[in-house]
Amino acid sequence: MGRTVTPTYRVEYRTNRQPLAPYSANVMAWNGRATKERLEQWRRDYNESFKPGNVNGHLSTDVLLHITHARIVRQRDGAVIAETTMPTFELI
């Protein structure tokens, strides 16, 4: 039998298509060190994947999808470890 392992951290994020949605609408596991710099790099890299021709390009059919807010949360107690927000003017 297998066993279930809960990751230490999770990433909660919002996109431009759901500006008022709660963070819990989009959640994924976070592996590695939980720092603001790594979270910002993840946000930029993930946004790149939504451009036409990239791996998630098919999800951006009418409007280019991008992540506007993201945070790393410790699963055990819900503490926010790192948080990042898209700059006011970001070339996408």
Protein backbone atom coordinates (compact mmCIF):
# COMPACT_ATOMS: atom_id res chain seq x y z
CA MET A 1 0.00 0.00 0.00
CA GLY A 2 1.09 3.55 -0.68
CA ARG A 3 1.20 6.32 1.81
CA THR A 4 0.02 9.90 1.58
CA VAL A 5 2.52 12.65 2.20
CA THR A 6 1.33 16.22 2.68
CA PRO A 7 3.76 18.82 1.29
CA THR A 8 5.14 21.30 3.81
CA TYR A 9 4.03 24.30 1.75
CA ARG A 10 1.41 25.17 -0.83
CA VAL A 11 1.14 28.00 -3.36
CA GLU A 12 -2.13 29.88 -3.53
CA TYR A 13 -2.54 32.23 -6.48
CA ARG A 14 -5.01 34.45 -8.33
CA THR A 15 -5.15 35.26 -12.03
CA ASN A 16 -6.44 38.21 -14.02
CA ARG A 17 -9.54 36.15 -14.87
CA GLN A 18 -10.48 35.81 -11.18
CA PRO A 19 -9.40 39.06 -9.53
CA LEU A 20 -11.91 38.75 -6.69
CA ALA A 21 -11.76 34.98 -6.22
CA PRO A 22 -10.38 33.69 -2.93
CA TYR A 23 -6.82 32.37 -3.00
CA SER A 24 -8.11 28.87 -2.31
CA ALA A 25 -9.54 28.76 -5.84
CA ASN A 26 -6.06 27.95 -7.24
CA VAL A 27 -3.71 25.86 -5.12
CA MET A 28 -0.69 23.69 -5.85
CA ALA A 29 2.09 22.07 -3.84
CA TRP A 30 5.39 23.92 -3.34
CA ASN A 31 8.61 21.94 -3.17
CA GLY A 32 11.90 23.54 -2.15
CA ARG A 33 12.86 26.62 -0.20
CA ALA A 34 10.03 29.04 0.40
CA THR A 35 11.39 32.51 -0.33
CA LYS A 36 9.89 35.61 -1.90
CA GLU A 37 12.53 35.58 -4.65
CA ARG A 38 11.75 32.00 -5.66
CA LEU A 39 8.02 32.70 -5.57
CA GLU A 40 8.45 35.74 -7.84
CA GLN A 41 10.56 33.67 -10.27
CA TRP A 42 7.88 30.95 -10.24
CA ARG A 43 5.20 33.58 -10.99
CA ARG A 44 7.18 34.96 -13.94
CA ASP A 45 7.96 31.49 -15.31
CA TYR A 46 4.37 30.33 -14.95
CA ASN A 47 3.14 33.48 -16.69
CA GLU A 48 5.52 32.73 -19.59
CA SER A 49 3.86 29.33 -20.01
CA PHE A 50 0.53 31.03 -20.83
CA LYS A 51 1.90 32.82 -23.91
CA PRO A 52 0.79 31.50 -27.32
CA GLY A 53 2.87 28.53 -28.40
CA ASN A 54 3.99 27.62 -24.88
CA VAL A 55 2.79 24.68 -22.81
CA ASN A 56 -0.27 26.45 -21.32
CA GLY A 57 -0.90 28.73 -24.30
CA HIS A 58 -4.15 26.95 -25.11
CA LEU A 59 -5.64 28.27 -21.85
CA SER A 60 -5.27 31.89 -23.01
CA THR A 61 -7.77 31.91 -25.86
CA ASP A 62 -9.47 35.32 -25.59
CA VAL A 63 -7.32 37.12 -22.98
CA LEU A 64 -3.70 36.39 -22.10
CA LEU A 65 -3.91 34.66 -18.72
CA HIS A 66 -1.41 35.72 -16.06
CA ILE A 67 -0.94 35.36 -12.33
CA THR A 68 -1.49 38.61 -10.45
CA HIS A 69 -0.99 37.52 -6.81
CA ALA A 70 0.71 34.50 -5.25
CA ARG A 71 1.68 33.40 -1.77
CA ILE A 72 3.38 30.43 -0.13
CA VAL A 73 1.50 29.05 2.87
CA ARG A 74 2.77 26.57 5.46
CA GLN A 75 0.29 23.69 5.47
CA ARG A 76 0.63 22.92 9.19
CA ASP A 77 -0.58 26.24 10.58
CA GLY A 78 -1.65 28.36 7.59
CA ALA A 79 1.11 30.93 8.08
CA VAL A 80 1.98 32.97 4.98
CA ILE A 81 5.72 32.52 4.38
CA ALA A 82 6.14 34.60 1.21
CA GLU A 83 3.87 36.75 -0.92
CA THR A 84 4.23 38.52 -4.27
CA THR A 85 2.06 40.78 -6.38
CA MET A 86 2.34 41.62 -10.04
CA PRO A 87 3.87 45.08 -10.60
CA THR A 88 1.47 47.80 -11.72
CA PHE A 89 3.05 47.80 -15.17
CA GLU A 90 4.41 44.46 -16.30
CA LEU A 91 5.21 43.62 -19.89
CA ILE A 92 3.58 40.30 -20.66
